[in-house]
N, C-alpha and C. Protein backbone atom coordinates (compact mmCIF):
# COMPACT_ATOMS: atom_id res chain seq x y z
N MET A 1 90.00 91.83 114.57
CA MET A 1 90.11 91.01 113.63
C MET A 1 89.30 89.84 113.54
N ASP A 2 89.49 89.15 114.97
CA ASP A 2 88.90 88.07 115.33
C ASP A 2 87.35 87.94 115.23
N GLU A 3 86.52 88.94 115.01
CA GLU A 3 84.74 88.67 114.42
C GLU A 3 84.84 88.07 113.52
N TYR A 4 86.13 88.32 112.48
CA TYR A 4 85.75 87.71 111.10
C TYR A 4 86.40 86.59 111.36
N HIS A 5 85.48 85.62 110.55
CA HIS A 5 86.33 83.93 110.45
C HIS A 5 85.89 83.61 108.83
N LEU A 6 87.25 83.26 108.25
CA LEU A 6 87.58 82.52 106.85
C LEU A 6 87.41 81.39 106.47
N ILE A 7 86.28 81.07 105.66
CA ILE A 7 86.22 79.72 105.33
C ILE A 7 86.49 79.70 103.56
N ASP A 8 87.23 78.60 103.77
CA ASP A 8 86.95 77.74 102.18
C ASP A 8 86.09 77.74 101.63
N ARG A 9 85.53 78.25 100.95
CA ARG A 9 84.06 77.80 100.21
C ARG A 9 83.69 78.71 99.75
N LEU A 10 82.74 78.67 98.55
CA LEU A 10 82.32 79.44 97.75
C LEU A 10 80.80 79.99 98.31
N PRO A 11 80.78 81.28 98.12
CA PRO A 11 79.44 81.34 98.40
C PRO A 11 78.11 80.87 97.76
N THR A 12 77.14 80.73 98.84
CA THR A 12 75.95 80.03 98.12
C THR A 12 75.03 81.35 97.16
N ASP A 13 74.15 80.89 96.34
CA ASP A 13 73.61 81.97 95.35
C ASP A 13 73.01 83.10 95.93
N ALA A 14 72.44 82.95 97.34
CA ALA A 14 71.99 83.93 97.87
C ALA A 14 73.10 84.65 98.49
N GLU A 15 73.71 84.53 99.06
CA GLU A 15 75.02 85.23 99.66
C GLU A 15 75.84 86.38 98.43
N TYR A 16 75.75 85.51 97.47
CA TYR A 16 76.29 86.02 96.39
C TYR A 16 75.50 87.28 95.60
N ARG A 17 74.04 86.92 95.93
CA ARG A 17 73.12 88.05 95.33
C ARG A 17 73.28 88.99 96.44
N VAL A 18 73.36 88.75 97.53
CA VAL A 18 73.31 90.05 99.03
C VAL A 18 74.51 90.97 98.51
N LEU A 19 75.72 90.25 98.26
CA LEU A 19 76.99 91.02 98.42
C LEU A 19 76.84 91.75 96.81
N CYS A 20 76.59 90.88 95.94
CA CYS A 20 76.70 91.61 94.61
C CYS A 20 75.75 92.97 94.56
N HIS A 21 74.18 92.80 95.55
CA HIS A 21 73.45 93.98 95.59
C HIS A 21 74.28 94.92 96.42
N ALA A 22 74.92 94.66 97.53
CA ALA A 22 75.37 95.58 98.54
C ALA A 22 76.59 96.57 97.87
N VAL A 23 77.49 95.72 96.75
CA VAL A 23 78.20 97.16 96.09
C VAL A 23 77.42 97.54 94.69
N CYS A 24 76.23 97.39 94.68
CA CYS A 24 75.55 97.85 93.28
C CYS A 24 75.89 97.19 92.02
N TRP A 25 76.01 95.86 91.98
CA TRP A 25 76.67 94.86 90.93
C TRP A 25 75.59 94.17 90.25
N GLU A 26 74.25 94.17 91.01
CA GLU A 26 73.12 93.36 90.25
C GLU A 26 72.44 93.63 88.99
N ALA A 27 72.90 94.78 88.13
CA ALA A 27 72.67 94.92 86.98
C ALA A 27 73.57 94.45 85.88
N LEU A 28 75.13 94.11 86.26
CA LEU A 28 75.85 93.39 85.98
C LEU A 28 75.69 92.10 85.67
N ILE A 29 74.48 91.49 86.44
CA ILE A 29 75.03 89.88 86.24
C ILE A 29 73.84 89.49 85.72
N ASN A 30 74.13 88.10 85.12
CA ASN A 30 73.11 87.25 84.32
C ASN A 30 73.00 86.37 85.63
N TRP A 31 72.15 87.05 86.22
CA TRP A 31 71.43 85.76 87.60
C TRP A 31 70.80 84.54 87.17
N PRO A 32 70.33 84.21 86.19
CA PRO A 32 69.87 82.78 85.79
C PRO A 32 71.33 81.94 85.70
N ALA A 33 72.31 82.43 85.52
CA ALA A 33 73.87 81.72 85.24
C ALA A 33 74.27 81.54 86.89
N VAL A 34 74.24 82.43 87.47
CA VAL A 34 74.64 82.37 88.97
C VAL A 34 75.00 80.54 89.35
N PRO A 35 74.08 80.12 89.39
CA PRO A 35 73.89 78.78 90.15
C PRO A 35 75.06 77.78 89.12
N ARG A 36 75.08 78.02 88.15
CA ARG A 36 76.25 76.88 87.47
C ARG A 36 77.60 77.70 87.55
N ALA A 37 77.39 79.44 87.30
CA ALA A 37 78.82 79.96 87.37
C ALA A 37 79.50 79.43 88.91
N LEU A 38 79.04 79.38 90.08
CA LEU A 38 79.45 79.31 91.29
C LEU A 38 80.08 77.55 91.46
N GLN A 39 78.89 76.78 90.55
CA GLN A 39 79.23 75.34 90.74
C GLN A 39 80.58 75.05 89.98
N ASN A 40 80.77 76.13 89.16
CA ASN A 40 82.17 75.61 87.98
C ASN A 40 83.70 76.09 88.36
N SER A 41 83.49 77.19 89.69
CA SER A 41 84.19 77.87 90.08
C SER A 41 85.15 76.50 90.85
N PRO A 42 86.66 76.81 90.70
CA PRO A 42 87.01 75.57 91.31
C PRO A 42 87.71 75.80 93.01
N PHE A 43 87.58 77.15 93.16
CA PHE A 43 88.04 77.72 94.60
C PHE A 43 87.29 78.91 95.12
N GLY A 44 87.45 79.11 96.31
CA GLY A 44 86.40 80.31 96.75
C GLY A 44 86.57 80.36 98.08
N ALA A 45 86.20 81.47 98.56
CA ALA A 45 86.31 81.71 99.97
C ALA A 45 85.49 82.87 100.37
N VAL A 46 84.86 82.63 101.59
CA VAL A 46 84.44 83.66 102.44
C VAL A 46 84.21 84.22 103.66
N ALA A 47 84.17 85.68 104.30
CA ALA A 47 84.42 85.82 105.13
C ALA A 47 83.06 85.87 106.23
N GLN A 48 82.95 85.69 107.25
CA GLN A 48 81.50 85.38 107.78
C GLN A 48 81.67 86.29 109.41
N TYR A 49 80.87 87.64 109.43
CA TYR A 49 80.92 88.23 110.59
C TYR A 49 79.50 87.60 111.42
N ASP A 50 79.49 87.59 112.48
CA ASP A 50 78.38 86.53 113.28
C ASP A 50 77.57 85.70 112.37
N GLY A 51 78.43 84.85 111.97
CA GLY A 51 77.68 83.73 110.98
C GLY A 51 76.88 84.13 109.65
N VAL A 52 77.37 85.27 109.34
CA VAL A 52 76.65 85.66 107.84
C VAL A 52 78.12 86.62 107.04
N THR A 53 78.06 85.96 106.20
CA THR A 53 78.47 86.39 105.00
C THR A 53 78.74 87.69 104.37
N VAL A 54 80.07 88.36 104.74
CA VAL A 54 80.18 89.36 104.28
C VAL A 54 80.94 89.94 103.51
N ALA A 55 81.90 88.94 103.12
CA ALA A 55 82.81 88.95 102.29
C ALA A 55 82.99 87.78 101.13
N MET A 56 83.46 88.07 100.00
CA MET A 56 83.71 86.76 99.43
C MET A 56 84.77 86.83 98.11
N GLY A 57 85.37 85.40 97.80
CA GLY A 57 86.23 86.04 96.45
C GLY A 57 85.82 84.54 95.70
N ARG A 58 86.43 84.64 94.34
CA ARG A 58 86.37 83.01 93.81
C ARG A 58 86.99 83.10 92.56
N VAL A 59 87.87 82.02 92.68
CA VAL A 59 88.62 81.77 91.75
C VAL A 59 87.73 81.12 90.62
N VAL A 60 87.89 81.63 89.06
CA VAL A 60 87.26 81.09 87.78
C VAL A 60 88.31 80.33 86.95
N GLY A 61 88.55 79.25 86.01
CA GLY A 61 89.39 78.86 85.16
C GLY A 61 89.31 77.79 85.36
N ASP A 62 90.49 76.98 84.86
CA ASP A 62 90.64 75.35 84.30
C ASP A 62 91.74 74.85 85.58
N ALA A 63 91.75 75.60 86.44
CA ALA A 63 92.44 75.10 87.69
C ALA A 63 93.93 74.04 87.40
N ALA A 64 94.54 74.06 86.18
CA ALA A 64 95.60 73.89 86.12
C ALA A 64 96.77 74.64 85.46
N LEU A 65 96.31 75.36 84.21
CA LEU A 65 97.17 76.22 83.63
C LEU A 65 96.63 77.74 83.45
N TYR A 66 95.54 78.17 84.23
CA TYR A 66 94.81 79.26 84.23
C TYR A 66 94.15 79.35 85.13
N CYS A 67 94.03 80.30 86.09
CA CYS A 67 92.87 80.59 86.95
C CYS A 67 93.37 81.96 87.26
N TYR A 68 91.81 82.62 87.12
CA TYR A 68 91.07 84.10 87.45
C TYR A 68 90.51 84.37 88.45
N VAL A 69 91.23 85.30 89.21
CA VAL A 69 90.29 85.95 90.53
C VAL A 69 89.23 86.81 90.33
N GLN A 70 88.21 86.26 90.42
CA GLN A 70 86.99 86.72 90.28
C GLN A 70 86.23 87.25 91.50
N ASP A 71 84.82 88.40 91.48
CA ASP A 71 84.34 88.73 92.38
C ASP A 71 84.97 88.52 93.76
N VAL A 72 85.86 89.32 93.74
CA VAL A 72 86.26 89.95 95.64
C VAL A 72 85.18 91.15 95.72
N ILE A 73 84.67 90.69 96.49
CA ILE A 73 83.45 91.40 96.81
C ILE A 73 83.32 91.64 98.76
N VAL A 74 83.82 92.62 99.58
CA VAL A 74 83.44 93.09 100.88
C VAL A 74 82.37 94.04 101.09
N HIS A 75 81.35 93.72 101.76
CA HIS A 75 79.81 94.40 102.04
C HIS A 75 80.64 95.82 102.50
N PRO A 76 80.07 96.73 101.98
CA PRO A 76 80.80 98.23 102.48
C PRO A 76 80.23 98.49 103.68
N ALA A 77 79.83 98.08 104.77
CA ALA A 77 80.04 98.07 105.86
C ALA A 77 80.72 97.20 106.56
N HIS A 78 81.49 96.44 106.13
CA HIS A 78 82.95 95.56 106.60
C HIS A 78 83.91 96.09 105.75
N GLN A 79 84.17 97.08 105.04
CA GLN A 79 85.32 97.48 104.19
C GLN A 79 85.95 97.97 104.97
N HIS A 80 87.24 98.14 104.86
CA HIS A 80 88.21 98.97 105.14
C HIS A 80 89.13 97.96 106.55
N ARG A 81 88.81 96.58 106.67
CA ARG A 81 88.91 95.81 107.81
C ARG A 81 90.08 94.60 107.14
N GLY A 82 90.65 94.95 106.09
CA GLY A 82 91.62 94.09 105.83
C GLY A 82 90.88 92.38 105.21
N LEU A 83 89.89 92.60 104.91
CA LEU A 83 88.98 91.34 104.52
C LEU A 83 89.24 91.11 103.05
N ALA A 84 89.34 91.89 102.20
CA ALA A 84 89.81 91.81 100.56
C ALA A 84 91.04 91.30 100.72
N HIS A 85 92.12 91.79 101.36
CA HIS A 85 93.33 91.47 101.35
C HIS A 85 93.35 89.66 101.87
N ARG A 86 92.45 89.34 102.86
CA ARG A 86 92.73 88.19 103.77
C ARG A 86 91.97 87.11 102.37
N ILE A 87 90.77 87.89 101.64
CA ILE A 87 90.40 86.89 100.79
C ILE A 87 91.18 86.31 99.58
N VAL A 88 92.03 87.65 98.93
CA VAL A 88 92.88 87.12 97.85
C VAL A 88 94.07 86.55 98.48
N ASP A 89 94.61 86.52 99.81
CA ASP A 89 95.51 85.55 100.06
C ASP A 89 95.24 84.39 100.25
N ARG A 90 93.92 84.09 100.47
CA ARG A 90 93.23 82.83 100.99
C ARG A 90 93.27 82.03 99.31
N LEU A 91 92.59 82.89 98.63
CA LEU A 91 92.76 82.50 97.18
C LEU A 91 93.98 82.18 96.47
N LEU A 92 95.02 82.79 96.27
CA LEU A 92 95.78 82.26 95.79
C LEU A 92 96.45 81.05 96.62
N GLU A 93 96.56 80.89 98.13
CA GLU A 93 97.10 80.01 98.93
C GLU A 93 96.53 78.55 98.64
N GLN A 94 95.13 78.63 97.99
CA GLN A 94 94.20 77.44 97.19
C GLN A 94 94.94 77.07 96.22
N ILE A 95 95.22 77.99 95.29
CA ILE A 95 95.63 77.89 94.17
C ILE A 95 97.03 77.15 93.92
N GLU A 96 98.06 77.92 94.99
CA GLU A 96 99.30 77.22 94.81
C GLU A 96 99.03 75.60 95.87
N GLN A 97 98.42 75.68 96.52
CA GLN A 97 98.16 74.30 97.10
C GLN A 97 97.52 73.13 96.25
N GLN A 98 96.75 73.65 95.44
CA GLN A 98 96.05 72.78 94.72
C GLN A 98 96.19 72.85 92.95
N THR A 99 97.39 73.34 92.83
CA THR A 99 97.86 72.62 91.26
C THR A 99 99.14 72.81 91.47
N SER A 100 99.83 72.49 90.37
CA SER A 100 101.35 72.39 89.86
C SER A 100 101.70 73.61 89.20
N PRO A 101 102.60 74.52 89.47
CA PRO A 101 103.18 75.58 88.85
C PRO A 101 103.86 75.10 87.91
N PRO A 102 104.08 76.06 86.76
CA PRO A 102 103.58 77.22 86.68
C PRO A 102 102.14 77.59 86.74
N VAL A 103 101.22 78.34 87.29
CA VAL A 103 100.21 78.73 86.78
C VAL A 103 100.11 80.08 86.56
N PHE A 104 99.42 80.14 85.42
CA PHE A 104 99.09 81.92 85.37
C PHE A 104 97.92 82.14 86.09
N VAL A 105 98.15 83.17 86.77
CA VAL A 105 96.72 83.86 87.73
C VAL A 105 96.44 85.24 86.94
N GLY A 106 95.42 85.39 86.65
CA GLY A 106 94.97 86.68 86.12
C GLY A 106 93.74 87.08 86.67
N LEU A 107 93.48 88.54 86.52
CA LEU A 107 92.16 89.38 86.97
C LEU A 107 92.16 90.56 86.55
N PHE A 108 90.66 91.11 86.39
CA PHE A 108 90.67 92.83 86.25
C PHE A 108 90.25 93.29 87.84
N ALA A 109 90.56 94.49 87.62
CA ALA A 109 90.94 95.39 88.75
C ALA A 109 90.17 96.84 88.15
N THR A 110 89.74 97.27 89.26
CA THR A 110 89.18 98.92 89.49
C THR A 110 90.57 99.53 89.64
N GLU A 111 90.26 100.72 89.08
CA GLU A 111 91.65 101.54 90.00
C GLU A 111 91.66 101.91 91.33
N GLN A 112 90.65 101.46 92.04
CA GLN A 112 90.78 101.55 93.39
C GLN A 112 91.17 99.95 93.88
N ALA A 113 91.12 99.17 93.46
CA ALA A 113 91.84 98.15 93.90
C ALA A 113 93.09 97.42 93.56
N MET A 114 93.68 98.32 92.41
CA MET A 114 94.94 98.00 91.68
C MET A 114 96.10 97.71 93.09
N GLN A 115 95.91 98.50 94.06
CA GLN A 115 97.29 98.95 94.86
C GLN A 115 97.21 97.40 95.53
N LEU A 116 95.79 96.82 96.23
CA LEU A 116 95.61 95.61 96.64
C LEU A 116 96.15 94.56 95.86
N TYR A 117 95.54 94.18 94.74
CA TYR A 117 96.54 93.32 94.06
C TYR A 117 98.17 93.28 93.50
N GLN A 118 98.43 94.39 93.32
CA GLN A 118 100.20 94.66 93.43
C GLN A 118 100.66 94.16 94.59
N GLN A 119 99.97 94.36 95.98
CA GLN A 119 100.69 93.93 97.26
C GLN A 119 101.28 92.57 96.93
N PHE A 120 100.38 91.68 95.89
CA PHE A 120 100.45 90.30 95.76
C PHE A 120 101.37 89.63 94.76
N GLY A 121 101.79 91.00 94.20
CA GLY A 121 102.77 90.57 92.84
C GLY A 121 102.47 90.80 91.73
N PHE A 122 100.95 91.14 91.53
CA PHE A 122 100.35 90.69 90.45
C PHE A 122 100.81 92.23 89.65
N GLN A 123 100.96 92.44 88.37
CA GLN A 123 101.51 93.21 87.50
C GLN A 123 100.43 93.45 86.54
N VAL A 124 100.57 94.68 85.78
CA VAL A 124 99.44 95.37 84.81
C VAL A 124 99.70 94.56 83.58
N HIS A 125 99.08 94.00 83.10
CA HIS A 125 99.61 93.78 81.63
C HIS A 125 99.28 94.87 80.63
N PRO A 126 100.38 95.03 80.12
CA PRO A 126 100.38 96.32 79.18
C PRO A 126 98.87 96.42 78.00
N GLY A 127 98.15 97.14 77.82
CA GLY A 127 97.08 97.34 77.08
C GLY A 127 95.82 96.47 76.96
N THR A 128 95.64 96.26 78.32
CA THR A 128 94.68 95.34 79.00
C THR A 128 93.81 95.71 80.01
N GLY A 129 94.30 96.27 80.90
CA GLY A 129 93.74 96.68 82.00
C GLY A 129 94.08 95.62 83.26
N GLY A 130 94.26 94.22 82.71
CA GLY A 130 94.40 93.26 83.52
C GLY A 130 95.39 93.12 84.22
N LEU A 131 95.36 92.43 85.29
CA LEU A 131 96.46 92.05 86.03
C LEU A 131 97.05 90.56 86.05
N TYR A 132 98.40 90.15 86.02
CA TYR A 132 98.58 88.67 86.20
C TYR A 132 99.84 88.22 87.21
N VAL A 133 100.01 87.18 87.56
CA VAL A 133 101.37 86.87 87.95
C VAL A 133 101.07 85.53 87.55
N VAL A 134 102.16 84.91 87.53
CA VAL A 134 102.52 83.07 87.84
C VAL A 134 103.06 82.74 88.82
N THR A 135 102.15 81.64 89.35
CA THR A 135 103.07 81.32 90.54
C THR A 135 104.09 80.08 90.22
N PRO A 136 104.92 79.96 90.89
CA PRO A 136 104.66 80.54 92.37
C PRO A 136 104.81 81.37 93.30
N HIS A 137 105.64 82.50 92.32
CA HIS A 137 106.28 83.54 92.45
C HIS A 137 104.97 84.48 93.41
N ARG A 138 104.95 85.13 94.48
CA ARG A 138 104.08 85.80 95.07
C ARG A 138 105.23 86.34 96.18
N ARG A 139 104.31 87.72 96.40
CA ARG A 139 105.01 88.59 96.95
C ARG A 139 103.84 89.41 98.03
N VAL A 140 104.17 89.27 99.42
CA VAL A 140 102.72 89.53 100.36
C VAL A 140 103.39 90.56 100.94
N SER A 141 102.87 92.02 100.79
CA SER A 141 103.13 93.14 101.80
C SER A 141 101.87 93.49 102.69
N GLU A 142 101.87 93.40 103.69
CA GLU A 142 100.55 93.93 104.77
C GLU A 142 100.05 95.53 104.32
N GLY A 143 99.14 95.73 104.32
CA GLY A 143 98.64 96.83 103.79
C GLY A 143 97.52 97.37 104.90
């Protein structure tokens, strides 16, 4: 895992585009809005391999009462190495370090990603498909 470096920052527009394209999200994104969306994100983390960003995650919201984990993306060539876990862990640390509890932290996840988020104490919100956790409660189990 040492070859991956986690950095507290948002991805650049170009890095965001590359990662979205790698996971086939390009048709889902309003590309002209990306610069503003990234600029308005209070927290972010990227993972780099040989100086290239291969994973990312960001937090959207007001960074006071409500935060939402968004766009956790790992390039397919670097999946199954714990990068998503490390990114989510770091985003939650940023929220805890830079806000005053309690903070509602939500997200929407695919079926495949549910188990990842549940490791951090996120619970399914009935009827919505969304998950949430209220800080400072956080349970992390290595997976």
